[in-house]
């Protein structure tokens, strides 16, 4: 599991506690559902509860790395609630589990030398790795029950799956390729949203 964590940090770009919690939460959700990391959009869907512009959004990259649910595959969706929690849905079996970060060890994280330096505006990539790993170990080496709240596996049918809409076409204004469903009709032309003048 530590190798998976190291790979997740490579993907994320730096060592941090929130992406480590994301890896743990995503891995636990997979275990609870009895499924493996996905490589397609047809197996799992993840609702991740982070919001915008708040600390610890790094949680999302840990979840993406662990579960294989990604923005690019369209099977990762943000609720915007500002929480470090996820609901992983097994689309094939119609079951889901919610896993959230438990606040018990957060005071230790907040008081770590890494977080004190982050509070001074020092970028995470400029803090010594030893300090970063010492902070990560607070949540990584701790018993699961001290870091995560794991909900019950519940039935949850997946009904929003319309599949991928295939096909790209060039915008008649800028010439860039656009997914056909995002082209807008302007007179006799088909344009991308920015060129069309439409908001959406």
N, C-alpha and C. Protein backbone atom coordinates (compact mmCIF):
# COMPACT_ATOMS: atom_id res chain seq x y z
N UNK A 1 0.84 -1.22 0.00
CA UNK A 1 0.00 0.00 0.00
C UNK A 1 0.86 1.26 0.00
N UNK A 2 2.04 1.20 0.62
CA UNK A 2 2.90 2.39 0.64
C UNK A 2 3.37 2.73 -0.77
N UNK A 3 3.57 1.71 -1.61
CA UNK A 3 3.97 1.94 -3.00
C UNK A 3 2.85 2.65 -3.75
N UNK A 4 1.61 2.25 -3.48
CA UNK A 4 0.46 2.91 -4.10
C UNK A 4 0.42 4.37 -3.67
N UNK A 5 0.69 4.61 -2.40
CA UNK A 5 0.70 5.98 -1.89
C UNK A 5 1.78 6.82 -2.57
N UNK A 6 2.98 6.24 -2.74
CA UNK A 6 4.06 6.97 -3.41
C UNK A 6 3.67 7.31 -4.84
N UNK A 7 3.05 6.37 -5.53
CA UNK A 7 2.59 6.61 -6.91
C UNK A 7 1.51 7.69 -6.94
N UNK A 8 0.64 7.67 -5.93
CA UNK A 8 -0.41 8.69 -5.86
C UNK A 8 0.20 10.07 -5.67
N UNK A 9 1.25 10.17 -4.86
CA UNK A 9 1.92 11.46 -4.68
C UNK A 9 2.59 11.92 -5.97
N UNK A 10 3.14 10.99 -6.72
CA UNK A 10 3.72 11.35 -8.03
C UNK A 10 2.63 11.93 -8.93
N UNK A 11 1.49 11.27 -8.95
CA UNK A 11 0.35 11.75 -9.75
C UNK A 11 -0.10 13.12 -9.27
N UNK A 12 -0.19 13.29 -7.96
CA UNK A 12 -0.68 14.54 -7.37
C UNK A 12 0.32 15.69 -7.51
N UNK A 13 1.60 15.37 -7.41
CA UNK A 13 2.62 16.40 -7.56
C UNK A 13 3.36 16.76 -6.30
N UNK A 14 2.85 16.39 -5.14
CA UNK A 14 3.57 16.60 -3.89
C UNK A 14 3.02 15.66 -2.81
N UNK A 15 3.77 15.57 -1.72
CA UNK A 15 3.39 14.71 -0.59
C UNK A 15 2.48 15.51 0.32
N UNK A 16 1.32 14.98 0.66
CA UNK A 16 0.44 15.68 1.59
C UNK A 16 -0.53 14.71 2.26
N UNK A 17 -1.02 15.12 3.41
CA UNK A 17 -1.92 14.27 4.20
C UNK A 17 -3.27 14.06 3.53
N UNK A 18 -3.80 15.09 2.87
CA UNK A 18 -5.16 14.99 2.32
C UNK A 18 -5.23 14.00 1.16
N UNK A 19 -4.21 13.99 0.30
CA UNK A 19 -4.24 13.00 -0.77
C UNK A 19 -4.02 11.60 -0.20
N UNK A 20 -3.23 11.49 0.90
CA UNK A 20 -3.07 10.19 1.56
C UNK A 20 -4.41 9.69 2.11
N UNK A 21 -5.18 10.59 2.72
CA UNK A 21 -6.51 10.21 3.22
C UNK A 21 -7.40 9.82 2.04
N UNK A 22 -7.28 10.52 0.92
CA UNK A 22 -8.05 10.16 -0.26
C UNK A 22 -7.74 8.77 -0.76
N UNK A 23 -6.45 8.41 -0.75
CA UNK A 23 -6.05 7.05 -1.17
C UNK A 23 -6.65 6.02 -0.21
N UNK A 24 -6.56 6.29 1.09
CA UNK A 24 -7.13 5.34 2.07
C UNK A 24 -8.64 5.23 1.90
N UNK A 25 -9.31 6.36 1.78
CA UNK A 25 -10.77 6.35 1.65
C UNK A 25 -11.21 5.63 0.38
N UNK A 26 -10.54 5.92 -0.73
CA UNK A 26 -10.88 5.25 -1.99
C UNK A 26 -10.63 3.77 -1.93
N UNK A 27 -9.51 3.37 -1.32
CA UNK A 27 -9.17 1.94 -1.20
C UNK A 27 -10.17 1.21 -0.32
N UNK A 28 -10.57 1.85 0.77
CA UNK A 28 -11.56 1.24 1.67
C UNK A 28 -12.91 1.10 0.96
N UNK A 29 -13.29 2.10 0.18
CA UNK A 29 -14.56 2.03 -0.55
C UNK A 29 -14.54 0.86 -1.54
N UNK A 30 -13.42 0.66 -2.23
CA UNK A 30 -13.29 -0.48 -3.13
C UNK A 30 -13.44 -1.79 -2.36
N UNK A 31 -12.76 -1.88 -1.22
CA UNK A 31 -12.82 -3.09 -0.40
C UNK A 31 -14.24 -3.37 0.06
N UNK A 32 -14.93 -2.34 0.54
CA UNK A 32 -16.28 -2.53 1.06
C UNK A 32 -17.25 -3.00 -0.02
N UNK A 33 -17.05 -2.51 -1.24
CA UNK A 33 -17.93 -2.93 -2.35
C UNK A 33 -17.47 -4.23 -2.99
N UNK A 34 -16.25 -4.67 -2.66
CA UNK A 34 -15.72 -5.90 -3.25
C UNK A 34 -15.42 -5.74 -4.72
N UNK A 35 -14.92 -4.55 -5.10
CA UNK A 35 -14.60 -4.28 -6.51
C UNK A 35 -13.13 -3.85 -6.62
N UNK A 36 -12.64 -3.83 -7.85
CA UNK A 36 -11.27 -3.41 -8.12
C UNK A 36 -11.27 -2.03 -8.74
N UNK A 37 -10.11 -1.41 -8.72
CA UNK A 37 -9.91 -0.10 -9.36
C UNK A 37 -10.40 -0.19 -10.80
N UNK A 38 -11.11 0.82 -11.23
CA UNK A 38 -11.72 0.79 -12.56
C UNK A 38 -10.82 1.42 -13.63
N UNK A 39 -10.96 0.89 -14.83
CA UNK A 39 -10.25 1.47 -15.96
C UNK A 39 -11.21 1.98 -17.01
N UNK A 40 -12.51 1.90 -16.72
CA UNK A 40 -13.50 2.37 -17.68
C UNK A 40 -14.56 3.18 -16.94
N UNK A 41 -15.45 3.79 -17.71
CA UNK A 41 -16.50 4.60 -17.09
C UNK A 41 -17.77 3.82 -16.80
N UNK A 42 -17.82 2.55 -17.20
CA UNK A 42 -19.05 1.78 -17.07
C UNK A 42 -19.19 0.97 -15.80
N UNK A 43 -18.17 1.00 -14.92
CA UNK A 43 -18.19 0.13 -13.76
C UNK A 43 -18.50 0.88 -12.46
N UNK A 44 -17.75 1.94 -12.20
CA UNK A 44 -17.89 2.69 -10.95
C UNK A 44 -18.18 4.15 -11.24
N UNK A 45 -18.81 4.80 -10.27
CA UNK A 45 -19.01 6.25 -10.31
C UNK A 45 -18.74 6.77 -8.91
N UNK A 46 -18.02 7.89 -8.85
CA UNK A 46 -17.64 8.44 -7.55
C UNK A 46 -18.19 9.85 -7.38
N UNK A 47 -18.90 10.06 -6.30
CA UNK A 47 -19.35 11.39 -5.90
C UNK A 47 -18.39 11.86 -4.82
N UNK A 48 -17.65 12.91 -5.11
CA UNK A 48 -16.66 13.40 -4.16
C UNK A 48 -17.15 14.74 -3.63
N UNK A 49 -17.10 14.92 -2.33
CA UNK A 49 -17.82 16.03 -1.70
C UNK A 49 -17.01 17.30 -1.49
N UNK A 50 -15.81 17.38 -2.10
CA UNK A 50 -15.03 18.61 -1.95
C UNK A 50 -15.73 19.77 -2.65
N UNK A 51 -15.34 20.99 -2.26
CA UNK A 51 -15.90 22.18 -2.89
C UNK A 51 -14.84 22.86 -3.74
N UNK A 52 -14.85 24.19 -3.73
CA UNK A 52 -13.89 24.99 -4.50
C UNK A 52 -13.04 25.82 -3.53
N UNK A 53 -11.78 25.97 -3.85
CA UNK A 53 -10.88 26.91 -3.16
C UNK A 53 -10.81 26.73 -1.65
N UNK A 54 -10.80 25.51 -1.17
CA UNK A 54 -10.60 25.28 0.25
C UNK A 54 -9.43 24.34 0.45
N UNK A 55 -8.85 24.36 1.64
CA UNK A 55 -7.75 23.48 1.95
C UNK A 55 -8.18 22.02 1.85
N UNK A 56 -7.21 21.17 1.58
CA UNK A 56 -7.39 19.71 1.57
C UNK A 56 -8.15 19.18 0.36
N UNK A 57 -8.29 19.98 -0.69
CA UNK A 57 -8.89 19.45 -1.91
C UNK A 57 -8.03 18.35 -2.54
N UNK A 58 -6.77 18.27 -2.08
CA UNK A 58 -5.85 17.21 -2.53
C UNK A 58 -6.46 15.83 -2.31
N UNK A 59 -7.40 15.74 -1.38
CA UNK A 59 -8.15 14.51 -1.12
C UNK A 59 -8.65 13.91 -2.44
N UNK A 60 -9.11 14.76 -3.34
CA UNK A 60 -9.70 14.29 -4.60
C UNK A 60 -8.71 13.51 -5.45
N UNK A 61 -7.45 13.96 -5.49
CA UNK A 61 -6.47 13.25 -6.31
C UNK A 61 -6.15 11.88 -5.72
N UNK A 62 -6.15 11.78 -4.40
CA UNK A 62 -5.95 10.48 -3.77
C UNK A 62 -7.09 9.52 -4.11
N UNK A 63 -8.31 10.04 -4.09
CA UNK A 63 -9.48 9.23 -4.43
C UNK A 63 -9.41 8.79 -5.90
N UNK A 64 -9.07 9.74 -6.77
CA UNK A 64 -8.96 9.40 -8.20
C UNK A 64 -7.94 8.30 -8.42
N UNK A 65 -6.78 8.45 -7.78
CA UNK A 65 -5.71 7.47 -7.99
C UNK A 65 -6.13 6.09 -7.48
N UNK A 66 -6.74 6.06 -6.31
CA UNK A 66 -7.11 4.77 -5.70
C UNK A 66 -8.23 4.06 -6.47
N UNK A 67 -9.26 4.80 -6.83
CA UNK A 67 -10.45 4.17 -7.42
C UNK A 67 -10.40 4.03 -8.93
N UNK A 68 -9.63 4.90 -9.59
CA UNK A 68 -9.63 4.92 -11.05
C UNK A 68 -10.76 5.76 -11.62
N UNK A 69 -11.60 6.31 -10.76
CA UNK A 69 -12.65 7.23 -11.21
C UNK A 69 -11.99 8.58 -11.45
N UNK A 70 -12.16 9.14 -12.64
CA UNK A 70 -11.48 10.38 -12.99
C UNK A 70 -12.41 11.33 -13.72
N UNK A 71 -12.01 12.59 -13.73
CA UNK A 71 -12.75 13.62 -14.47
C UNK A 71 -12.78 13.26 -15.95
N UNK A 72 -11.64 12.81 -16.47
CA UNK A 72 -11.55 12.49 -17.90
C UNK A 72 -12.46 11.37 -18.34
N UNK A 73 -12.70 10.39 -17.46
CA UNK A 73 -13.61 9.29 -17.81
C UNK A 73 -15.06 9.64 -17.53
N UNK A 74 -15.27 10.78 -16.88
CA UNK A 74 -16.65 11.21 -16.61
C UNK A 74 -17.32 10.44 -15.50
N UNK A 75 -16.53 9.71 -14.70
CA UNK A 75 -17.14 8.95 -13.60
C UNK A 75 -16.71 9.47 -12.23
N UNK A 76 -16.28 10.73 -12.21
CA UNK A 76 -16.00 11.43 -10.95
C UNK A 76 -16.77 12.74 -10.98
N UNK A 77 -17.54 12.97 -9.94
CA UNK A 77 -18.44 14.13 -9.89
C UNK A 77 -18.28 14.83 -8.54
N UNK A 78 -18.11 16.15 -8.57
CA UNK A 78 -17.98 16.91 -7.32
C UNK A 78 -19.35 17.43 -6.88
N UNK A 79 -19.63 17.27 -5.58
CA UNK A 79 -20.89 17.80 -5.06
C UNK A 79 -20.76 19.26 -4.65
N UNK A 80 -19.53 19.69 -4.31
CA UNK A 80 -19.31 21.07 -3.91
C UNK A 80 -19.68 21.37 -2.46
N UNK A 81 -19.66 20.36 -1.58
CA UNK A 81 -20.08 20.55 -0.19
C UNK A 81 -18.93 20.90 0.74
N UNK A 82 -17.69 20.89 0.25
CA UNK A 82 -16.55 21.23 1.08
C UNK A 82 -16.17 20.18 2.10
N UNK A 83 -16.51 18.91 1.85
CA UNK A 83 -16.21 17.83 2.80
C UNK A 83 -15.19 16.87 2.20
N UNK A 84 -14.43 16.23 3.08
CA UNK A 84 -13.50 15.19 2.64
C UNK A 84 -14.23 13.86 2.77
N UNK A 85 -15.05 13.58 1.78
CA UNK A 85 -15.88 12.37 1.79
C UNK A 85 -16.16 11.97 0.35
N UNK A 86 -16.48 10.71 0.19
CA UNK A 86 -16.84 10.20 -1.14
C UNK A 86 -17.92 9.16 -1.01
N UNK A 87 -18.70 9.03 -2.05
CA UNK A 87 -19.62 7.91 -2.19
C UNK A 87 -19.21 7.19 -3.46
N UNK A 88 -18.85 5.92 -3.33
CA UNK A 88 -18.46 5.12 -4.48
C UNK A 88 -19.63 4.22 -4.84
N UNK A 89 -20.02 4.28 -6.10
CA UNK A 89 -21.18 3.52 -6.59
C UNK A 89 -20.71 2.43 -7.55
N UNK A 90 -21.12 1.21 -7.27
CA UNK A 90 -20.90 0.09 -8.17
C UNK A 90 -22.10 0.07 -9.11
N UNK A 91 -21.90 0.56 -10.31
CA UNK A 91 -23.01 0.73 -11.25
C UNK A 91 -23.62 -0.61 -11.68
N UNK A 92 -22.79 -1.62 -11.78
CA UNK A 92 -23.27 -2.92 -12.26
C UNK A 92 -24.14 -3.63 -11.23
N UNK A 93 -23.74 -3.53 -9.95
CA UNK A 93 -24.50 -4.24 -8.91
C UNK A 93 -25.50 -3.35 -8.19
N UNK A 94 -25.51 -2.04 -8.50
CA UNK A 94 -26.46 -1.13 -7.88
C UNK A 94 -26.26 -0.98 -6.38
N UNK A 95 -24.98 -0.84 -5.97
CA UNK A 95 -24.67 -0.68 -4.55
C UNK A 95 -23.70 0.48 -4.38
N UNK A 96 -23.68 1.05 -3.17
CA UNK A 96 -22.80 2.18 -2.92
C UNK A 96 -22.36 2.20 -1.47
N UNK A 97 -21.23 2.88 -1.22
CA UNK A 97 -20.74 3.07 0.14
C UNK A 97 -20.18 4.49 0.25
N UNK A 98 -20.39 5.10 1.40
CA UNK A 98 -19.84 6.44 1.67
C UNK A 98 -18.74 6.31 2.71
N UNK A 99 -17.61 6.98 2.43
CA UNK A 99 -16.47 6.99 3.34
C UNK A 99 -16.07 8.44 3.56
N UNK A 100 -15.87 8.83 4.81
CA UNK A 100 -15.50 10.22 5.11
C UNK A 100 -14.32 10.29 6.07
N UNK A 101 -13.68 11.43 6.07
CA UNK A 101 -12.52 11.68 6.95
C UNK A 101 -13.02 11.95 8.36
N UNK A 102 -12.41 11.26 9.30
CA UNK A 102 -12.80 11.40 10.71
C UNK A 102 -11.91 12.46 11.37
N UNK A 103 -12.46 13.38 12.12
CA UNK A 103 -11.68 14.50 12.64
C UNK A 103 -10.71 14.20 13.78
N UNK A 104 -10.67 13.00 14.30
CA UNK A 104 -9.90 12.71 15.50
C UNK A 104 -8.42 13.05 15.50
N UNK A 105 -7.72 12.90 14.38
CA UNK A 105 -6.28 13.13 14.33
C UNK A 105 -5.92 14.47 13.69
N UNK A 106 -6.92 15.27 13.41
CA UNK A 106 -6.64 16.48 12.65
C UNK A 106 -5.83 17.52 13.42
N UNK A 107 -5.96 17.55 14.73
CA UNK A 107 -5.18 18.51 15.53
C UNK A 107 -3.69 18.21 15.38
N UNK A 108 -3.34 16.93 15.34
CA UNK A 108 -1.94 16.53 15.15
C UNK A 108 -1.42 16.99 13.79
N UNK A 109 -2.26 16.88 12.77
CA UNK A 109 -1.87 17.34 11.44
C UNK A 109 -1.67 18.85 11.44
N UNK A 110 -2.63 19.55 12.00
CA UNK A 110 -2.56 21.02 12.03
C UNK A 110 -1.32 21.52 12.76
N UNK A 111 -0.85 20.77 13.76
CA UNK A 111 0.31 21.18 14.54
C UNK A 111 1.63 20.66 13.99
N UNK A 112 1.59 19.91 12.89
CA UNK A 112 2.83 19.37 12.31
C UNK A 112 3.67 20.51 11.74
N UNK A 113 4.98 20.27 11.64
CA UNK A 113 5.87 21.31 11.10
C UNK A 113 5.52 21.60 9.64
N UNK A 114 5.08 20.58 8.91
CA UNK A 114 4.67 20.78 7.51
C UNK A 114 3.53 21.80 7.43
N UNK A 115 2.49 21.59 8.23
CA UNK A 115 1.33 22.49 8.15
C UNK A 115 1.64 23.88 8.70
N UNK A 116 2.53 23.95 9.67
CA UNK A 116 2.93 25.29 10.14
C UNK A 116 3.63 26.06 9.02
N UNK A 117 4.46 25.37 8.27
CA UNK A 117 5.15 26.02 7.14
C UNK A 117 4.16 26.37 6.03
N UNK A 118 3.19 25.49 5.79
CA UNK A 118 2.16 25.79 4.78
C UNK A 118 1.39 27.04 5.19
N UNK A 119 1.13 27.18 6.50
CA UNK A 119 0.44 28.35 7.02
C UNK A 119 1.23 29.64 6.83
N UNK A 120 2.55 29.52 6.68
CA UNK A 120 3.40 30.67 6.42
C UNK A 120 3.53 30.98 4.94
N UNK A 121 2.82 30.18 4.13
CA UNK A 121 2.84 30.41 2.68
C UNK A 121 3.92 29.67 1.93
N UNK A 122 4.62 28.75 2.59
CA UNK A 122 5.66 27.97 1.92
C UNK A 122 4.99 26.89 1.07
N UNK A 123 5.31 26.82 -0.23
CA UNK A 123 4.70 25.79 -1.08
C UNK A 123 5.07 24.38 -0.60
N UNK A 124 4.19 23.40 -0.79
CA UNK A 124 4.46 22.04 -0.30
C UNK A 124 5.70 21.41 -0.91
N UNK A 125 6.04 21.79 -2.13
CA UNK A 125 7.21 21.21 -2.80
C UNK A 125 8.53 21.76 -2.25
N UNK A 126 8.46 22.81 -1.43
CA UNK A 126 9.67 23.40 -0.85
C UNK A 126 9.88 22.99 0.61
N UNK A 127 9.02 22.15 1.13
CA UNK A 127 9.15 21.66 2.51
C UNK A 127 9.88 20.32 2.46
N UNK A 128 10.86 20.09 3.34
CA UNK A 128 11.61 18.82 3.30
C UNK A 128 10.68 17.60 3.33
N UNK A 129 11.05 16.60 2.52
CA UNK A 129 10.23 15.39 2.41
C UNK A 129 10.04 14.68 3.74
N UNK A 130 11.06 14.74 4.60
CA UNK A 130 10.96 14.07 5.90
C UNK A 130 9.80 14.66 6.71
N UNK A 131 9.64 15.98 6.63
CA UNK A 131 8.56 16.64 7.36
C UNK A 131 7.20 16.29 6.74
N UNK A 132 7.18 16.22 5.42
CA UNK A 132 5.94 15.86 4.73
C UNK A 132 5.52 14.43 5.09
N UNK A 133 6.47 13.49 5.06
CA UNK A 133 6.15 12.10 5.38
C UNK A 133 5.75 11.94 6.84
N UNK A 134 6.39 12.70 7.73
CA UNK A 134 6.01 12.62 9.15
C UNK A 134 4.55 13.02 9.33
N UNK A 135 4.10 14.02 8.57
CA UNK A 135 2.70 14.45 8.65
C UNK A 135 1.78 13.39 8.03
N UNK A 136 2.18 12.84 6.89
CA UNK A 136 1.37 11.81 6.22
C UNK A 136 1.20 10.59 7.12
N UNK A 137 2.27 10.21 7.81
CA UNK A 137 2.21 9.02 8.67
C UNK A 137 1.17 9.15 9.79
N UNK A 138 0.83 10.37 10.15
CA UNK A 138 -0.19 10.59 11.18
C UNK A 138 -1.52 9.95 10.77
N UNK A 139 -1.83 10.03 9.47
CA UNK A 139 -3.09 9.45 8.98
C UNK A 139 -2.89 8.11 8.28
N UNK A 140 -1.68 7.86 7.77
CA UNK A 140 -1.45 6.63 7.01
C UNK A 140 -1.21 5.43 7.92
N UNK A 141 -0.43 5.64 8.98
CA UNK A 141 -0.09 4.53 9.87
C UNK A 141 -1.10 4.31 10.99
N UNK A 142 -2.06 5.20 11.11
CA UNK A 142 -3.06 5.11 12.17
C UNK A 142 -4.09 4.02 11.85
N UNK A 143 -4.72 3.46 12.87
CA UNK A 143 -5.80 2.50 12.61
C UNK A 143 -6.91 3.16 11.78
N UNK A 144 -7.49 2.38 10.90
CA UNK A 144 -8.55 2.89 10.02
C UNK A 144 -9.66 3.60 10.79
N UNK A 145 -10.02 3.05 11.94
CA UNK A 145 -11.14 3.61 12.71
C UNK A 145 -10.82 4.99 13.28
N UNK A 146 -9.54 5.36 13.30
CA UNK A 146 -9.16 6.69 13.79
C UNK A 146 -9.09 7.72 12.67
N UNK A 147 -9.17 7.26 11.43
CA UNK A 147 -9.01 8.16 10.29
C UNK A 147 -10.28 8.28 9.45
N UNK A 148 -11.02 7.19 9.35
CA UNK A 148 -12.16 7.16 8.43
C UNK A 148 -13.45 6.72 9.11
N UNK A 149 -14.54 7.27 8.61
CA UNK A 149 -15.88 6.80 8.97
C UNK A 149 -16.39 6.04 7.75
N UNK A 150 -16.63 4.77 7.91
CA UNK A 150 -17.06 3.92 6.80
C UNK A 150 -18.54 3.59 6.98
N UNK A 151 -19.34 4.02 6.03
CA UNK A 151 -20.77 3.75 6.09
C UNK A 151 -21.11 2.33 5.68
N UNK A 152 -22.37 2.01 5.78
CA UNK A 152 -22.84 0.70 5.35
C UNK A 152 -22.98 0.69 3.83
N UNK A 153 -22.75 -0.48 3.26
CA UNK A 153 -23.02 -0.66 1.83
C UNK A 153 -24.53 -0.69 1.66
N UNK A 154 -25.02 0.17 0.77
CA UNK A 154 -26.47 0.27 0.55
C UNK A 154 -26.81 0.10 -0.92
N UNK A 155 -28.04 -0.28 -1.17
CA UNK A 155 -28.50 -0.36 -2.55
C UNK A 155 -28.59 1.04 -3.13
N UNK A 156 -28.11 1.19 -4.34
CA UNK A 156 -28.20 2.47 -5.03
C UNK A 156 -28.16 2.21 -6.53
N UNK A 157 -29.30 2.28 -7.14
CA UNK A 157 -29.38 2.05 -8.58
C UNK A 157 -28.74 3.22 -9.32
N UNK A 158 -28.10 2.93 -10.41
CA UNK A 158 -27.50 3.97 -11.24
C UNK A 158 -28.36 4.16 -12.47
N UNK A 159 -29.00 5.31 -12.56
CA UNK A 159 -29.95 5.54 -13.65
C UNK A 159 -29.52 6.65 -14.59
N UNK A 160 -28.46 7.37 -14.24
CA UNK A 160 -28.06 8.52 -15.04
C UNK A 160 -27.08 8.19 -16.15
N UNK A 161 -26.91 6.95 -16.49
CA UNK A 161 -25.87 6.58 -17.43
C UNK A 161 -26.40 6.51 -18.85
N UNK A 162 -26.13 7.57 -19.58
CA UNK A 162 -26.57 7.61 -20.97
C UNK A 162 -25.45 7.19 -21.92
N UNK A 163 -24.31 6.85 -21.37
CA UNK A 163 -23.18 6.44 -22.19
C UNK A 163 -22.47 7.64 -22.79
N UNK A 164 -21.39 7.36 -23.47
CA UNK A 164 -20.62 8.43 -24.09
C UNK A 164 -21.29 8.87 -25.38
N UNK A 165 -21.27 10.16 -25.61
CA UNK A 165 -21.74 10.69 -26.88
C UNK A 165 -20.51 10.92 -27.73
N UNK A 166 -20.37 10.12 -28.76
CA UNK A 166 -19.15 10.13 -29.56
C UNK A 166 -19.23 11.19 -30.65
N UNK A 167 -18.08 11.61 -31.13
CA UNK A 167 -18.00 12.48 -32.29
C UNK A 167 -17.51 13.87 -31.98
N UNK A 168 -16.54 14.33 -32.75
CA UNK A 168 -16.01 15.68 -32.68
C UNK A 168 -16.17 16.33 -34.05
N UNK A 169 -16.29 17.63 -34.04
CA UNK A 169 -16.38 18.39 -35.29
C UNK A 169 -15.69 19.74 -35.08
N UNK A 170 -15.16 20.34 -36.14
CA UNK A 170 -14.50 21.63 -35.97
C UNK A 170 -15.51 22.77 -35.84
N UNK A 171 -15.16 23.71 -34.98
CA UNK A 171 -15.95 24.95 -34.87
C UNK A 171 -15.74 25.73 -36.16
N UNK A 172 -16.82 26.24 -36.75
CA UNK A 172 -16.70 26.98 -38.02
C UNK A 172 -16.05 28.34 -37.84
N UNK A 173 -15.89 28.79 -36.58
CA UNK A 173 -15.26 30.10 -36.33
C UNK A 173 -13.76 29.95 -36.04
N UNK A 174 -13.41 29.18 -34.99
CA UNK A 174 -12.00 29.07 -34.59
C UNK A 174 -11.30 27.85 -35.16
N UNK A 175 -12.07 26.87 -35.65
CA UNK A 175 -11.49 25.67 -36.25
C UNK A 175 -11.08 24.60 -35.27
N UNK A 176 -11.23 24.85 -33.96
CA UNK A 176 -10.85 23.84 -32.98
C UNK A 176 -11.89 22.74 -32.88
N UNK A 177 -11.43 21.54 -32.56
CA UNK A 177 -12.34 20.40 -32.45
C UNK A 177 -13.19 20.50 -31.19
N UNK A 178 -14.48 20.18 -31.35
CA UNK A 178 -15.44 20.29 -30.26
C UNK A 178 -16.31 19.04 -30.25
N UNK A 179 -16.64 18.54 -29.06
CA UNK A 179 -17.62 17.46 -28.96
C UNK A 179 -18.91 17.96 -29.59
N UNK A 180 -19.51 17.15 -30.45
CA UNK A 180 -20.68 17.61 -31.22
C UNK A 180 -21.82 18.14 -30.36
N UNK A 181 -21.99 17.56 -29.17
CA UNK A 181 -23.10 18.03 -28.33
C UNK A 181 -22.86 19.42 -27.77
N UNK A 182 -21.63 19.94 -27.89
CA UNK A 182 -21.33 21.29 -27.39
C UNK A 182 -21.28 22.33 -28.51
N UNK A 183 -21.53 21.93 -29.73
CA UNK A 183 -21.61 22.89 -30.82
C UNK A 183 -22.93 23.66 -30.72
N UNK A 184 -22.91 24.93 -31.03
CA UNK A 184 -24.11 25.77 -31.03
C UNK A 184 -24.35 26.28 -32.45
N UNK A 185 -25.61 26.38 -32.81
CA UNK A 185 -25.97 26.84 -34.14
C UNK A 185 -26.09 28.37 -34.12
N UNK A 186 -25.33 29.01 -34.98
CA UNK A 186 -25.39 30.46 -35.13
C UNK A 186 -25.58 30.73 -36.63
N UNK A 187 -26.79 31.09 -37.02
CA UNK A 187 -27.10 31.24 -38.45
C UNK A 187 -26.96 29.89 -39.13
N UNK A 188 -26.06 29.83 -40.11
CA UNK A 188 -25.80 28.57 -40.81
C UNK A 188 -24.53 27.88 -40.30
N UNK A 189 -23.97 28.40 -39.21
CA UNK A 189 -22.70 27.88 -38.72
C UNK A 189 -22.88 27.06 -37.43
N UNK A 190 -21.93 26.17 -37.22
CA UNK A 190 -21.86 25.40 -35.97
C UNK A 190 -20.59 25.82 -35.25
N UNK A 191 -20.76 26.42 -34.06
CA UNK A 191 -19.62 27.00 -33.35
C UNK A 191 -19.49 26.42 -31.94
N UNK A 192 -18.26 26.51 -31.44
CA UNK A 192 -18.03 26.16 -30.03
C UNK A 192 -18.69 27.23 -29.16
N UNK A 193 -18.87 26.92 -27.89
CA UNK A 193 -19.57 27.85 -27.01
C UNK A 193 -18.88 29.21 -26.92
N UNK A 194 -17.54 29.28 -26.73
CA UNK A 194 -16.93 30.60 -26.65
C UNK A 194 -17.12 31.45 -27.92
N UNK A 195 -17.04 30.83 -29.09
CA UNK A 195 -17.22 31.58 -30.34
C UNK A 195 -18.68 31.94 -30.61
N UNK A 196 -19.60 31.14 -30.10
CA UNK A 196 -21.02 31.33 -30.40
C UNK A 196 -21.61 32.53 -29.68
N UNK A 197 -21.01 32.90 -28.54
CA UNK A 197 -21.58 33.98 -27.73
C UNK A 197 -22.58 33.48 -26.71
N UNK A 198 -22.91 32.19 -26.75
CA UNK A 198 -23.81 31.61 -25.75
C UNK A 198 -23.05 31.42 -24.43
N UNK A 199 -23.77 31.45 -23.31
CA UNK A 199 -23.16 31.17 -22.02
C UNK A 199 -22.87 29.69 -21.84
N UNK A 200 -23.77 28.85 -22.36
CA UNK A 200 -23.61 27.40 -22.23
C UNK A 200 -24.07 26.72 -23.51
